[in-house]
Every structure is written in C-alpha cells, then in structure tokens.
PDB file of N, CA and C in Angstrom:
ATOM      1  N   MET A   1     -47.502  13.341   8.345  1.00  0.00           N
ATOM      2  CA  MET A   1     -46.303  13.478   7.726  1.00  0.00           C
ATOM      3  C   MET A   1     -45.099  13.349   8.370  1.00  0.00           C
ATOM      4  N   ASN A   2     -44.258  12.498   7.844  1.00  0.00           N
ATOM      5  CA  ASN A   2     -42.885  12.327   8.641  1.00  0.00           C
ATOM      6  C   ASN A   2     -41.967  13.130   7.815  1.00  0.00           C
ATOM      7  N   HIS A   3     -41.096  13.553   8.608  1.00  0.00           N
ATOM      8  CA  HIS A   3     -40.157  14.599   8.095  1.00  0.00           C
ATOM      9  C   HIS A   3     -38.610  13.805   7.973  1.00  0.00           C
ATOM     10  N   ILE A   4     -37.820  13.876   6.941  1.00  0.00           N
ATOM     11  CA  ILE A   4     -36.661  13.349   6.999  1.00  0.00           C
ATOM     12  C   ILE A   4     -35.643  14.189   7.505  1.00  0.00           C
ATOM     13  N   VAL A   5     -35.119  13.837   8.513  1.00  0.00           N
ATOM     14  CA  VAL A   5     -34.013  14.544   9.319  1.00  0.00           C
ATOM     15  C   VAL A   5     -32.544  13.808   8.940  1.00  0.00           C
ATOM     16  N   THR A   6     -31.718  14.721   8.866  1.00  0.00           N
ATOM     17  CA  THR A   6     -30.317  14.133   8.835  1.00  0.00           C
ATOM     18  C   THR A   6     -29.703  14.012  10.316  1.00  0.00           C
ATOM     19  N   VAL A   7     -29.309  12.529  10.556  1.00  0.00           N
ATOM     20  CA  VAL A   7     -28.399  12.487  11.755  1.00  0.00           C
ATOM     21  C   VAL A   7     -27.098  12.807  11.729  1.00  0.00           C
ATOM     22  N   GLN A   8     -26.546  13.784  12.433  1.00  0.00           N
ATOM     23  CA  GLN A   8     -25.357  14.358  12.408  1.00  0.00           C
ATOM     24  C   GLN A   8     -24.248  13.224  12.655  1.00  0.00           C
ATOM     25  N   ASP A   9     -24.687  12.403  13.624  1.00  0.00           N
ATOM     26  CA  ASP A   9     -23.827  11.135  13.970  1.00  0.00           C
ATOM     27  C   ASP A   9     -23.421  10.361  12.858  1.00  0.00           C
ATOM     28  N   ALA A  10     -24.572   9.975  12.133  1.00  0.00           N
ATOM     29  CA  ALA A  10     -24.387   9.082  10.992  1.00  0.00           C
ATOM     30  C   ALA A  10     -23.706   9.790   9.956  1.00  0.00           C
ATOM     31  N   VAL A  11     -23.701  11.003   9.719  1.00  0.00           N
ATOM     32  CA  VAL A  11     -23.153  11.556   8.613  1.00  0.00           C
ATOM     33  C   VAL A  11     -21.524  11.654   8.831  1.00  0.00           C
ATOM     34  N   THR A  12     -21.366  12.233   9.830  1.00  0.00           N
ATOM     35  CA  THR A  12     -19.981  12.387  10.266  1.00  0.00           C
ATOM     36  C   THR A  12     -19.396  11.362  11.381  1.00  0.00           C
ATOM     37  N   ALA A  13     -19.611  10.046  11.012  1.00  0.00           N
ATOM     38  CA  ALA A  13     -19.122   9.032  11.811  1.00  0.00           C
ATOM     39  C   ALA A  13     -17.746   8.762  12.065  1.00  0.00           C
ATOM     40  N   PHE A  14     -16.918   9.555  11.406  1.00  0.00           N
ATOM     41  CA  PHE A  14     -15.494   9.321  11.663  1.00  0.00           C
ATOM     42  C   PHE A  14     -14.870  10.489  12.590  1.00  0.00           C
ATOM     43  N   ALA A  15     -15.028  10.107  13.736  1.00  0.00           N
ATOM     44  CA  ALA A  15     -14.432  10.942  14.773  1.00  0.00           C
ATOM     45  C   ALA A  15     -12.976  10.838  14.944  1.00  0.00           C
ATOM     46  N   ASP A  16     -12.307  11.686  15.789  1.00  0.00           N
ATOM     47  CA  ASP A  16     -10.788  11.446  16.074  1.00  0.00           C
ATOM     48  C   ASP A  16     -10.384  10.239  16.594  1.00  0.00           C
ATOM     49  N   PHE A  17     -11.223   9.404  17.267  1.00  0.00           N
ATOM     50  CA  PHE A  17     -10.914   8.084  17.796  1.00  0.00           C
ATOM     51  C   PHE A  17     -10.887   7.230  16.641  1.00  0.00           C
ATOM     52  N   MET A  18     -11.331   7.466  15.591  1.00  0.00           N
ATOM     53  CA  MET A  18     -11.528   6.394  14.528  1.00  0.00           C
ATOM     54  C   MET A  18     -10.537   6.540  13.557  1.00  0.00           C
ATOM     55  N   GLU A  19      -9.532   7.340  13.633  1.00  0.00           N
ATOM     56  CA  GLU A  19      -8.407   7.549  12.730  1.00  0.00           C
ATOM     57  C   GLU A  19      -7.578   6.264  12.837  1.00  0.00           C
ATOM     58  N   PRO A  20      -6.913   6.045  11.627  1.00  0.00           N
ATOM     59  CA  PRO A  20      -5.998   4.698  11.925  1.00  0.00           C
ATOM     60  C   PRO A  20      -4.665   4.977  12.843  1.00  0.00           C
ATOM     61  N   THR A  21      -4.497   3.969  13.549  1.00  0.00           N
ATOM     62  CA  THR A  21      -3.392   3.955  14.518  1.00  0.00           C
ATOM     63  C   THR A  21      -1.921   3.973  13.730  1.00  0.00           C
ATOM     64  N   GLY A  22      -0.842   4.238  14.476  1.00  0.00           N
ATOM     65  CA  GLY A  22       0.344   4.166  13.788  1.00  0.00           C
ATOM     66  C   GLY A  22       0.594   2.831  13.380  1.00  0.00           C
ATOM     67  N   ALA A  23       0.254   1.666  14.245  1.00  0.00           N
ATOM     68  CA  ALA A  23       0.621   0.427  13.790  1.00  0.00           C
ATOM     69  C   ALA A  23      -0.289   0.224  12.336  1.00  0.00           C
ATOM     70  N   GLU A  24      -1.346   0.672  12.145  1.00  0.00           N
ATOM     71  CA  GLU A  24      -2.068   0.421  10.956  1.00  0.00           C
ATOM     72  C   GLU A  24      -1.579   0.970   9.611  1.00  0.00           C
ATOM     73  N   LEU A  25      -0.969   2.193  10.014  1.00  0.00           N
ATOM     74  CA  LEU A  25      -0.225   2.847   9.127  1.00  0.00           C
ATOM     75  C   LEU A  25       1.001   2.426   8.476  1.00  0.00           C
ATOM     76  N   ASP A  26       1.695   1.922   9.681  1.00  0.00           N
ATOM     77  CA  ASP A  26       2.872   1.011   9.160  1.00  0.00           C
ATOM     78  C   ASP A  26       2.710  -0.241   8.502  1.00  0.00           C
ATOM     79  N   ALA A  27       1.764  -0.808   9.024  1.00  0.00           N
ATOM     80  CA  ALA A  27       1.272  -2.029   8.019  1.00  0.00           C
ATOM     81  C   ALA A  27       1.024  -1.717   6.881  1.00  0.00           C
ATOM     82  N   ILE A  28      -0.011  -0.658   6.274  1.00  0.00           N
ATOM     83  CA  ILE A  28      -0.186  -0.174   5.105  1.00  0.00           C
ATOM     84  C   ILE A  28       1.250   0.086   4.401  1.00  0.00           C
ATOM     85  N   GLU A  29       1.811   0.776   5.043  1.00  0.00           N
ATOM     86  CA  GLU A  29       3.191   1.209   4.356  1.00  0.00           C
ATOM     87  C   GLU A  29       4.227  -0.018   4.000  1.00  0.00           C
ATOM     88  N   ARG A  30       4.015  -1.053   4.808  1.00  0.00           N
ATOM     89  CA  ARG A  30       4.746  -2.266   4.722  1.00  0.00           C
ATOM     90  C   ARG A  30       4.038  -3.028   3.348  1.00  0.00           C
ATOM     91  N   GLU A  31       2.678  -2.938   3.012  1.00  0.00           N
ATOM     92  CA  GLU A  31       2.225  -3.393   2.201  1.00  0.00           C
ATOM     93  C   GLU A  31       2.159  -2.729   0.687  1.00  0.00           C
ATOM     94  N   LEU A  32       2.784  -1.499   0.718  1.00  0.00           N
ATOM     95  CA  LEU A  32       3.046  -0.517  -0.582  1.00  0.00           C
ATOM     96  C   LEU A  32       3.504  -1.225  -1.702  1.00  0.00           C
ATOM     97  N   PRO A  33       4.680  -1.811  -1.636  1.00  0.00           N
ATOM     98  CA  PRO A  33       5.228  -2.602  -2.555  1.00  0.00           C
ATOM     99  C   PRO A  33       4.354  -3.621  -3.325  1.00  0.00           C
ATOM    100  N   VAL A  34       3.677  -4.267  -2.690  1.00  0.00           N
ATOM    101  CA  VAL A  34       2.818  -5.198  -3.080  1.00  0.00           C
ATOM    102  C   VAL A  34       1.643  -4.696  -3.908  1.00  0.00           C
ATOM    103  N   ILE A  35       0.990  -3.633  -3.108  1.00  0.00           N
ATOM    104  CA  ILE A  35       0.045  -2.858  -3.871  1.00  0.00           C
ATOM    105  C   ILE A  35       0.311  -2.228  -5.245  1.00  0.00           C
ATOM    106  N   ARG A  36       1.492  -1.654  -5.130  1.00  0.00           N
ATOM    107  CA  ARG A  36       2.143  -1.025  -6.422  1.00  0.00           C
ATOM    108  C   ARG A  36       2.296  -2.231  -7.615  1.00  0.00           C
ATOM    109  N   ALA A  37       2.879  -3.173  -7.111  1.00  0.00           N
ATOM    110  CA  ALA A  37       3.181  -4.287  -8.155  1.00  0.00           C
ATOM    111  C   ALA A  37       1.851  -4.759  -8.590  1.00  0.00           C
ATOM    112  N   GLU A  38       0.698  -4.918  -7.865  1.00  0.00           N
ATOM    113  CA  GLU A  38      -0.466  -5.477  -8.083  1.00  0.00           C
ATOM    114  C   GLU A  38      -1.178  -4.532  -9.320  1.00  0.00           C
ATOM    115  N   LEU A  39      -1.099  -3.269  -8.748  1.00  0.00           N
ATOM    116  CA  LEU A  39      -1.724  -2.191  -9.796  1.00  0.00           C
ATOM    117  C   LEU A  39      -0.947  -2.222 -11.202  1.00  0.00           C
ATOM    118  N   GLU A  40       0.376  -2.521 -11.092  1.00  0.00           N
ATOM    119  CA  GLU A  40       1.095  -2.502 -12.356  1.00  0.00           C
ATOM    120  C   GLU A  40       0.391  -3.763 -13.095  1.00  0.00           C
ATOM    121  N   LEU A  41       0.350  -4.921 -12.613  1.00  0.00           N
ATOM    122  CA  LEU A  41       0.008  -6.073 -13.212  1.00  0.00           C
ATOM    123  C   LEU A  41      -1.702  -5.883 -13.624  1.00  0.00           C
ATOM    124  N   LEU A  42      -2.232  -5.218 -13.045  1.00  0.00           N
ATOM    125  CA  LEU A  42      -3.628  -4.644 -13.184  1.00  0.00           C
ATOM    126  C   LEU A  42      -3.814  -3.692 -14.504  1.00  0.00           C
ATOM    127  N   ASP A  43      -2.789  -2.806 -14.532  1.00  0.00           N
ATOM    128  CA  ASP A  43      -2.582  -2.025 -15.573  1.00  0.00           C
ATOM    129  C   ASP A  43      -2.461  -2.714 -16.843  1.00  0.00           C
ATOM    130  N   ALA A  44      -1.517  -3.582 -16.911  1.00  0.00           N
ATOM    131  CA  ALA A  44      -0.935  -4.491 -17.956  1.00  0.00           C
ATOM    132  C   ALA A  44      -2.157  -5.318 -18.382  1.00  0.00           C
ATOM    133  N   GLN A  45      -3.008  -5.968 -17.667  1.00  0.00           N
ATOM    134  CA  GLN A  45      -4.262  -6.661 -18.061  1.00  0.00           C
ATOM    135  C   GLN A  45      -5.167  -5.875 -18.548  1.00  0.00           C
ATOM    136  N   VAL A  46      -5.372  -4.724 -18.112  1.00  0.00           N
ATOM    137  CA  VAL A  46      -6.496  -3.885 -18.484  1.00  0.00           C
ATOM    138  C   VAL A  46      -6.097  -3.420 -19.836  1.00  0.00           C
ATOM    139  N   ALA A  47      -4.828  -3.057 -20.328  1.00  0.00           N
ATOM    140  CA  ALA A  47      -4.388  -2.514 -21.484  1.00  0.00           C
ATOM    141  C   ALA A  47      -4.841  -3.667 -22.840  1.00  0.00           C
ATOM    142  N   VAL A  48      -4.802  -4.790 -22.515  1.00  0.00           N
ATOM    143  CA  VAL A  48      -5.067  -5.834 -23.534  1.00  0.00           C
ATOM    144  C   VAL A  48      -6.575  -6.386 -23.122  1.00  0.00           C
ATOM    145  N   ILE A  49      -7.471  -5.920 -22.366  1.00  0.00           N
ATOM    146  CA  ILE A  49      -8.640  -6.549 -22.110  1.00  0.00           C
ATOM    147  C   ILE A  49      -9.651  -6.565 -23.338  1.00  0.00           C
ATOM    148  N   ASP A  50      -9.454  -5.667 -24.430  1.00  0.00           N
ATOM    149  CA  ASP A  50     -10.495  -5.666 -25.493  1.00  0.00           C
ATOM    150  C   ASP A  50      -9.576  -5.904 -26.700  1.00  0.00           C
ATOM    151  N   ARG A  51      -8.473  -6.372 -26.704  1.00  0.00           N
ATOM    152  CA  ARG A  51      -7.684  -6.794 -28.006  1.00  0.00           C
ATOM    153  C   ARG A  51      -6.906  -8.064 -27.685  1.00  0.00           C
ATOM    154  N   THR A  52      -6.035  -8.662 -28.642  1.00  0.00           N
ATOM    155  CA  THR A  52      -5.324  -9.591 -28.530  1.00  0.00           C
ATOM    156  C   THR A  52      -3.854  -9.067 -28.237  1.00  0.00           C
ATOM    157  N   ALA A  53      -3.427  -9.681 -27.138  1.00  0.00           N
ATOM    158  CA  ALA A  53      -1.994  -9.118 -26.604  1.00  0.00           C
ATOM    159  C   ALA A  53      -1.049  -9.532 -27.788  1.00  0.00           C
ATOM    160  N   ASN A  54       0.022  -8.482 -27.826  1.00  0.00           N
ATOM    161  CA  ASN A  54       0.901  -8.882 -28.801  1.00  0.00           C
ATOM    162  C   ASN A  54       2.266  -9.149 -27.928  1.00  0.00           C
ATOM    163  N   GLU A  55       3.463  -9.442 -28.424  1.00  0.00           N
ATOM    164  CA  GLU A  55       4.591  -9.840 -27.865  1.00  0.00           C
ATOM    165  C   GLU A  55       4.912  -8.959 -26.540  1.00  0.00           C
ATOM    166  N   LEU A  56       4.995  -7.537 -26.886  1.00  0.00           N
ATOM    167  CA  LEU A  56       5.163  -6.711 -25.875  1.00  0.00           C
ATOM    168  C   LEU A  56       4.309  -6.765 -24.771  1.00  0.00           C
ATOM    169  N   ASP A  57       3.036  -6.619 -25.071  1.00  0.00           N
ATOM    170  CA  ASP A  57       2.043  -6.780 -23.899  1.00  0.00           C
ATOM    171  C   ASP A  57       2.289  -8.055 -23.302  1.00  0.00           C
ATOM    172  N   GLU A  58       2.544  -9.057 -23.755  1.00  0.00           N
ATOM    173  CA  GLU A  58       2.732 -10.394 -23.152  1.00  0.00           C
ATOM    174  C   GLU A  58       3.958 -10.289 -22.076  1.00  0.00           C
ATOM    175  N   ARG A  59       5.019  -9.565 -22.681  1.00  0.00           N
ATOM    176  CA  ARG A  59       6.339  -9.394 -21.725  1.00  0.00           C
ATOM    177  C   ARG A  59       5.958  -8.514 -20.634  1.00  0.00           C
ATOM    178  N   ARG A  60       5.071  -7.426 -20.882  1.00  0.00           N
ATOM    179  CA  ARG A  60       4.761  -6.493 -19.816  1.00  0.00           C
ATOM    180  C   ARG A  60       4.012  -7.174 -18.727  1.00  0.00           C
ATOM    181  N   ILE A  61       2.992  -7.914 -19.129  1.00  0.00           N
ATOM    182  CA  ILE A  61       2.255  -8.744 -18.051  1.00  0.00           C
ATOM    183  C   ILE A  61       3.265  -9.831 -17.399  1.00  0.00           C
ATOM    184  N   ARG A  62       3.944 -10.598 -18.191  1.00  0.00           N
ATOM    185  CA  ARG A  62       4.591 -11.363 -17.391  1.00  0.00           C
ATOM    186  C   ARG A  62       5.863 -10.633 -16.344  1.00  0.00           C
ATOM    187  N   ARG A  63       6.162  -9.731 -16.730  1.00  0.00           N
ATOM    188  CA  ARG A  63       7.254  -9.113 -15.910  1.00  0.00           C
ATOM    189  C   ARG A  63       6.646  -8.426 -14.644  1.00  0.00           C
ATOM    190  N   ALA A  64       5.016  -7.823 -14.782  1.00  0.00           N
ATOM    191  CA  ALA A  64       4.396  -7.449 -13.740  1.00  0.00           C
ATOM    192  C   ALA A  64       4.006  -8.525 -12.883  1.00  0.00           C
ATOM    193  N   ARG A  65       3.627  -9.883 -13.257  1.00  0.00           N
ATOM    194  CA  ARG A  65       3.454 -11.082 -12.450  1.00  0.00           C
ATOM    195  C   ARG A  65       4.662 -11.207 -11.782  1.00  0.00           C
ATOM    196  N   ARG A  66       6.099 -11.192 -12.087  1.00  0.00           N
ATOM    197  CA  ARG A  66       7.113 -11.486 -11.694  1.00  0.00           C
ATOM    198  C   ARG A  66       7.250 -10.552 -10.443  1.00  0.00           C
ATOM    199  N   ARG A  67       7.160  -9.245 -10.682  1.00  0.00           N
ATOM    200  CA  ARG A  67       6.976  -8.135  -9.542  1.00  0.00           C
ATOM    201  C   ARG A  67       6.019  -8.410  -8.498  1.00  0.00           C
ATOM    202  N   VAL A  68       5.013  -8.850  -8.919  1.00  0.00           N
ATOM    203  CA  VAL A  68       3.792  -9.223  -7.761  1.00  0.00           C
ATOM    204  C   VAL A  68       4.504 -10.333  -6.964  1.00  0.00           C
ATOM    205  N   LEU A  69       5.013 -11.280  -7.619  1.00  0.00           N
ATOM    206  CA  LEU A  69       5.506 -12.555  -6.705  1.00  0.00           C
ATOM    207  C   LEU A  69       6.686 -12.209  -5.874  1.00  0.00           C
ATOM    208  N   ALA A  70       7.585 -11.237  -6.592  1.00  0.00           N
ATOM    209  CA  ALA A  70       8.735 -10.889  -5.751  1.00  0.00           C
ATOM    210  C   ALA A  70       8.406 -10.147  -4.506  1.00  0.00           C
ATOM    211  N   ALA A  71       7.417  -9.045  -4.725  1.00  0.00           N
ATOM    212  CA  ALA A  71       7.065  -8.117  -3.822  1.00  0.00           C
ATOM    213  C   ALA A  71       6.137  -8.939  -2.659  1.00  0.00           C
ATOM    214  N   HIS A  72       5.548 -10.093  -2.944  1.00  0.00           N
ATOM    215  CA  HIS A  72       4.810 -10.939  -1.886  1.00  0.00           C
ATOM    216  C   HIS A  72       6.062 -11.685  -1.108  1.00  0.00           C
ATOM    217  N   ARG A  73       7.054 -12.188  -1.917  1.00  0.00           N
ATOM    218  CA  ARG A  73       8.256 -12.822  -1.280  1.00  0.00           C
ATOM    219  C   ARG A  73       8.791 -11.975  -0.387  1.00  0.00           C
ATOM    220  N   ASP A  74       9.209 -10.815  -0.868  1.00  0.00           N
ATOM    221  CA  ASP A  74       9.801  -9.685   0.115  1.00  0.00           C
ATOM    222  C   ASP A  74       9.198  -9.360   1.382  1.00  0.00           C
ATOM    223  N   GLN A  75       7.885  -9.181   1.166  1.00  0.00           N
ATOM    224  CA  GLN A  75       7.259  -8.905   2.094  1.00  0.00           C
ATOM    225  C   GLN A  75       7.061 -10.012   3.351  1.00  0.00           C
ATOM    226  N   LEU A  76       6.952 -11.350   2.941  1.00  0.00           N
ATOM    227  CA  LEU A  76       7.017 -12.491   3.685  1.00  0.00           C
ATOM    228  C   LEU A  76       8.160 -12.581   4.271  1.00  0.00           C
ATOM    229  N   ASN A  77       9.364 -12.151   3.710  1.00  0.00           N
ATOM    230  CA  ASN A  77      10.755 -12.419   4.257  1.00  0.00           C
ATOM    231  C   ASN A  77      11.061 -11.218   4.899  1.00  0.00           C
ATOM    232  N   GLY A  78      10.193 -10.100   4.898  1.00  0.00           N
ATOM    233  CA  GLY A  78      10.444  -8.836   5.791  1.00  0.00           C
ATOM    234  C   GLY A  78      11.721  -8.195   5.078  1.00  0.00           C
ATOM    235  N   THR A  79      11.858  -8.165   3.701  1.00  0.00           N
ATOM    236  CA  THR A  79      12.851  -7.353   3.140  1.00  0.00           C
ATOM    237  C   THR A  79      12.288  -6.485   2.090  1.00  0.00           C
ATOM    238  N   THR A  80      11.310  -5.757   2.498  1.00  0.00           N
ATOM    239  CA  THR A  80      10.590  -4.789   1.287  1.00  0.00           C
ATOM    240  C   THR A  80      11.798  -3.823   0.716  1.00  0.00           C
ATOM    241  N   VAL A  81      11.503  -3.572  -0.449  1.00  0.00           N
ATOM    242  CA  VAL A  81      12.483  -2.474  -0.972  1.00  0.00           C
ATOM    243  C   VAL A  81      11.445  -1.680  -1.713  1.00  0.00           C
ATOM    244  N   GLN A  82      11.648  -0.277  -1.554  1.00  0.00           N
ATOM    245  CA  GLN A  82      10.572   0.571  -2.028  1.00  0.00           C
ATOM    246  C   GLN A  82      11.202   1.061  -3.438  1.00  0.00           C
ATOM    247  N   THR A  83      10.396   0.716  -4.514  1.00  0.00           N
ATOM    248  CA  THR A  83      10.750   1.060  -5.807  1.00  0.00           C
ATOM    249  C   THR A  83       9.908   2.209  -6.365  1.00  0.00           C
ATOM    250  N   GLY A  84       9.901   2.370  -7.586  1.00  0.00           N
ATOM    251  CA  GLY A  84       9.219   3.608  -8.219  1.00  0.00           C
ATOM    252  C   GLY A  84       7.703   3.292  -8.240  1.00  0.00           C
ATOM    253  N   GLY A  85       6.971   4.201  -8.799  1.00  0.00           N
ATOM    254  CA  GLY A  85       5.676   4.326  -8.897  1.00  0.00           C
ATOM    255  C   GLY A  85       4.968   3.164  -9.870  1.00  0.00           C
ATOM    256  N   ALA A  86       3.683   3.030  -9.724  1.00  0.00           N
ATOM    257  CA  ALA A  86       2.767   1.933 -10.630  1.00  0.00           C
ATOM    258  C   ALA A  86       2.351   2.455 -11.725  1.00  0.00           C
ATOM    259  N   ALA A  87       3.249   3.344 -12.547  1.00  0.00           N
ATOM    260  CA  ALA A  87       2.713   3.633 -13.927  1.00  0.00           C
ATOM    261  C   ALA A  87       3.489   3.216 -14.949  1.00  0.00           C
TER     262      ALA A  87
END
C-alpha cells in the first residue's frame, strides 16, 4: 500500500526569497492606471453581455476604451496620472 504524504516544500513553495522585488512592485504600480482602465472597460462590456446595449451603455464603453488608450499612451510616455478606482 502506498501512503500519500504531503511534501511541505511543495505546499509552502513561496519562501522569503520568492517575494516580489522592489523593482517588480514599482513596475506593477506603474501599470495600475492601465489595469484600472482595462477593468473599467471589462465592467462596461460585461454589463451588456446578455442584452442589447443602449445609448448610455455604448457611451460608457466608448469612454472606457478611450481611457484604456489614454492609459497606455501615458504609460508609454512615462506620464502616468493616478485616477479613481475602477468602479
């Protein structure tokens, strides 16, 4: 009979040396405006996934697409501006 044994190293594979570095955290923080804008676009698209979009929905989606493009542009230009959340 073979016994199933939990390997502690496999279960707790994230040791102290596997934490994100400061540079990685800074990169994530620089990408946050893009992530927020993409989440806002996704929220707008999900809202109309099972129905026909009305005029207000279409405006919301267009506005969200413009924010995504602007966030990408600002990130590439190095001029990120922190805005509100993605709600």
